[in-house]
C-alpha atoms as a PDB file:
ATOM      1  CA  MET A   1     -44.880  16.588  -6.654  1.00  0.00           C
ATOM      2  CA  MET A   2     -42.499  13.833  -5.653  1.00  0.00           C
ATOM      3  CA  TRP A   3     -38.724  14.256  -5.484  1.00  0.00           C
ATOM      4  CA  GLY A   4     -38.025  11.232  -7.681  1.00  0.00           C
ATOM      5  CA  ASP A   5     -39.969  12.673 -10.596  1.00  0.00           C
ATOM      6  CA  GLN A   6     -37.471  15.459 -11.222  1.00  0.00           C
ATOM      7  CA  TRP A   7     -34.608  13.147 -12.148  1.00  0.00           C
ATOM      8  CA  GLY A   8     -36.560  10.202 -13.434  1.00  0.00           C
ATOM      9  CA  GLY A   9     -35.516   7.870 -10.613  1.00  0.00           C
ATOM     10  CA  PHE A  10     -31.752   8.391 -11.054  1.00  0.00           C
ATOM     11  CA  GLY A  11     -31.470   9.547  -7.454  1.00  0.00           C
ATOM     12  CA  MET A  12     -32.461   6.128  -6.212  1.00  0.00           C
ATOM     13  CA  ILE A  13     -29.704   4.526  -8.279  1.00  0.00           C
ATOM     14  CA  PHE A  14     -26.869   7.023  -7.961  1.00  0.00           C
ATOM     15  CA  GLY A  15     -27.630   8.282  -4.463  1.00  0.00           C
ATOM     16  CA  PRO A  16     -26.376   5.169  -2.633  1.00  0.00           C
ATOM     17  CA  ILE A  17     -23.386   4.900  -4.992  1.00  0.00           C
ATOM     18  CA  PHE A  18     -22.336   8.471  -4.231  1.00  0.00           C
ATOM     19  CA  MET A  19     -22.811   7.899  -0.499  1.00  0.00           C
ATOM     20  CA  ILE A  20     -20.529   4.848  -0.629  1.00  0.00           C
ATOM     21  CA  LEU A  21     -17.932   6.796  -2.637  1.00  0.00           C
ATOM     22  CA  ILE A  22     -18.033   9.614  -0.102  1.00  0.00           C
ATOM     23  CA  LEU A  23     -17.560   7.164   2.789  1.00  0.00           C
ATOM     24  CA  VAL A  24     -14.622   5.506   0.999  1.00  0.00           C
ATOM     25  CA  ALA A  25     -13.063   8.921   0.361  1.00  0.00           C
ATOM     26  CA  ILE A  26     -13.430   9.837   4.039  1.00  0.00           C
ATOM     27  CA  VAL A  27     -11.811   6.571   5.190  1.00  0.00           C
ATOM     28  CA  VAL A  28      -8.948   6.941   2.694  1.00  0.00           C
ATOM     29  CA  GLY A  29      -8.469  10.533   3.808  1.00  0.00           C
ATOM     30  CA  ILE A  30      -8.296   9.514   7.463  1.00  0.00           C
ATOM     31  CA  ILE A  31      -5.773   6.754   6.703  1.00  0.00           C
ATOM     32  CA  TYR A  32      -3.667   9.159   4.636  1.00  0.00           C
ATOM     33  CA  ALA A  33      -3.775  11.784   7.398  1.00  0.00           C
ATOM     34  CA  LEU A  34      -2.730   9.234  10.039  1.00  0.00           C
ATOM     35  CA  LYS A  35       0.094   7.973   7.824  1.00  0.00           C
ATOM     36  CA  TYR A  36       1.232  11.535   7.132  1.00  0.00           C
ATOM     37  CA  MET A  37       1.284  12.333  10.856  1.00  0.00           C
ATOM     38  CA  GLY A  38       3.186   9.128  11.574  1.00  0.00           C
ATOM     39  CA  ALA A  39       0.477   7.565  13.731  1.00  0.00           C
ATOM     40  CA  ILE A  40       0.398   4.384  11.621  1.00  0.00           C
ATOM     41  CA  ASN A  41       3.118   2.594   9.712  1.00  0.00           C
ATOM     42  CA  LEU A  42       1.843   0.786   6.637  1.00  0.00           C
ATOM     43  CA  PRO A  43       4.084  -1.958   5.246  1.00  0.00           C
ATOM     44  CA  SER A  44       5.823  -1.293   1.969  1.00  0.00           C
ATOM     45  CA  ASN A  45       7.602  -3.504  -0.539  1.00  0.00           C
ATOM     46  CA  ALA A  46      10.876  -1.619  -0.168  1.00  0.00           C
ATOM     47  CA  SER A  47      11.281  -2.636   3.466  1.00  0.00           C
ATOM     48  CA  GLY A  48      10.880  -6.313   2.551  1.00  0.00           C
ATOM     49  CA  SER A  49      13.708  -6.243   0.031  1.00  0.00           C
ATOM     50  CA  GLY A  50      15.795  -4.228   2.492  1.00  0.00           C
ATOM     51  CA  LYS A  51      15.383  -6.965   5.092  1.00  0.00           C
ATOM     52  CA  ALA A  52      16.386  -9.621   2.576  1.00  0.00           C
ATOM     53  CA  LEU A  53      19.467  -7.617   1.638  1.00  0.00           C
ATOM     54  CA  ASP A  54      20.376  -7.216   5.318  1.00  0.00           C
ATOM     55  CA  LEU A  55      20.085 -10.971   5.812  1.00  0.00           C
ATOM     56  CA  LEU A  56      22.251 -11.550   2.754  1.00  0.00           C
ATOM     57  CA  LYS A  57      24.901  -9.168   4.113  1.00  0.00           C
ATOM     58  CA  ASP A  58      24.836 -10.980   7.455  1.00  0.00           C
ATOM     59  CA  ARG A  59      25.337 -14.354   5.770  1.00  0.00           C
ATOM     60  CA  TYR A  60      28.246 -12.937   3.774  1.00  0.00           C
ATOM     61  CA  ALA A  61      29.798 -11.422   6.897  1.00  0.00           C
ATOM     62  CA  ARG A  62      29.552 -14.758   8.731  1.00  0.00           C
ATOM     63  CA  GLY A  63      31.236 -16.502   5.815  1.00  0.00           C
ATOM     64  CA  GLU A  64      28.255 -18.692   4.912  1.00  0.00           C
ATOM     65  CA  ILE A  65      28.399 -17.555   1.273  1.00  0.00           C
ATOM     66  CA  ASP A  66      31.288 -16.476  -0.912  1.00  0.00           C
ATOM     67  CA  HIS A  67      31.712 -13.195  -2.790  1.00  0.00           C
ATOM     68  CA  GLN A  68      30.409 -14.565  -6.100  1.00  0.00           C
ATOM     69  CA  GLU A  69      27.197 -15.933  -4.560  1.00  0.00           C
ATOM     70  CA  PHE A  70      26.726 -12.684  -2.620  1.00  0.00           C
ATOM     71  CA  ASP A  71      26.982 -10.625  -5.821  1.00  0.00           C
ATOM     72  CA  GLU A  72      24.556 -12.893  -7.714  1.00  0.00           C
ATOM     73  CA  ARG A  73      21.923 -12.807  -4.981  1.00  0.00           C
ATOM     74  CA  LYS A  74      22.345  -9.084  -4.416  1.00  0.00           C
ATOM     75  CA  LYS A  75      21.849  -8.499  -8.154  1.00  0.00           C
ATOM     76  CA  ARG A  76      18.612 -10.540  -8.086  1.00  0.00           C
ATOM     77  CA  LEU A  77      17.314  -8.649  -5.050  1.00  0.00           C
ATOM     78  CA  THR A  78      18.004  -5.187  -6.430  1.00  0.00           C
ATOM     79  CA  ASP A  79      16.581  -5.828  -9.920  1.00  0.00           C
END
């Protein structure tokens, strides 16, 4: 008796799919564990808007933009 006869050949179709899903889950788990331990620092969208806001504050402090323009740009960045 052959192994493929029990499931009607589904093992040949779903076997590789499940192996790929398991490998993806292992890689995602490793990345999550490294991020949790602080070994890697993945970029996030919040840090990008924080940098833009810091630049805007610097321009305002140097007097390059007035209070009204600062408020308008800050409003656009935080929305």
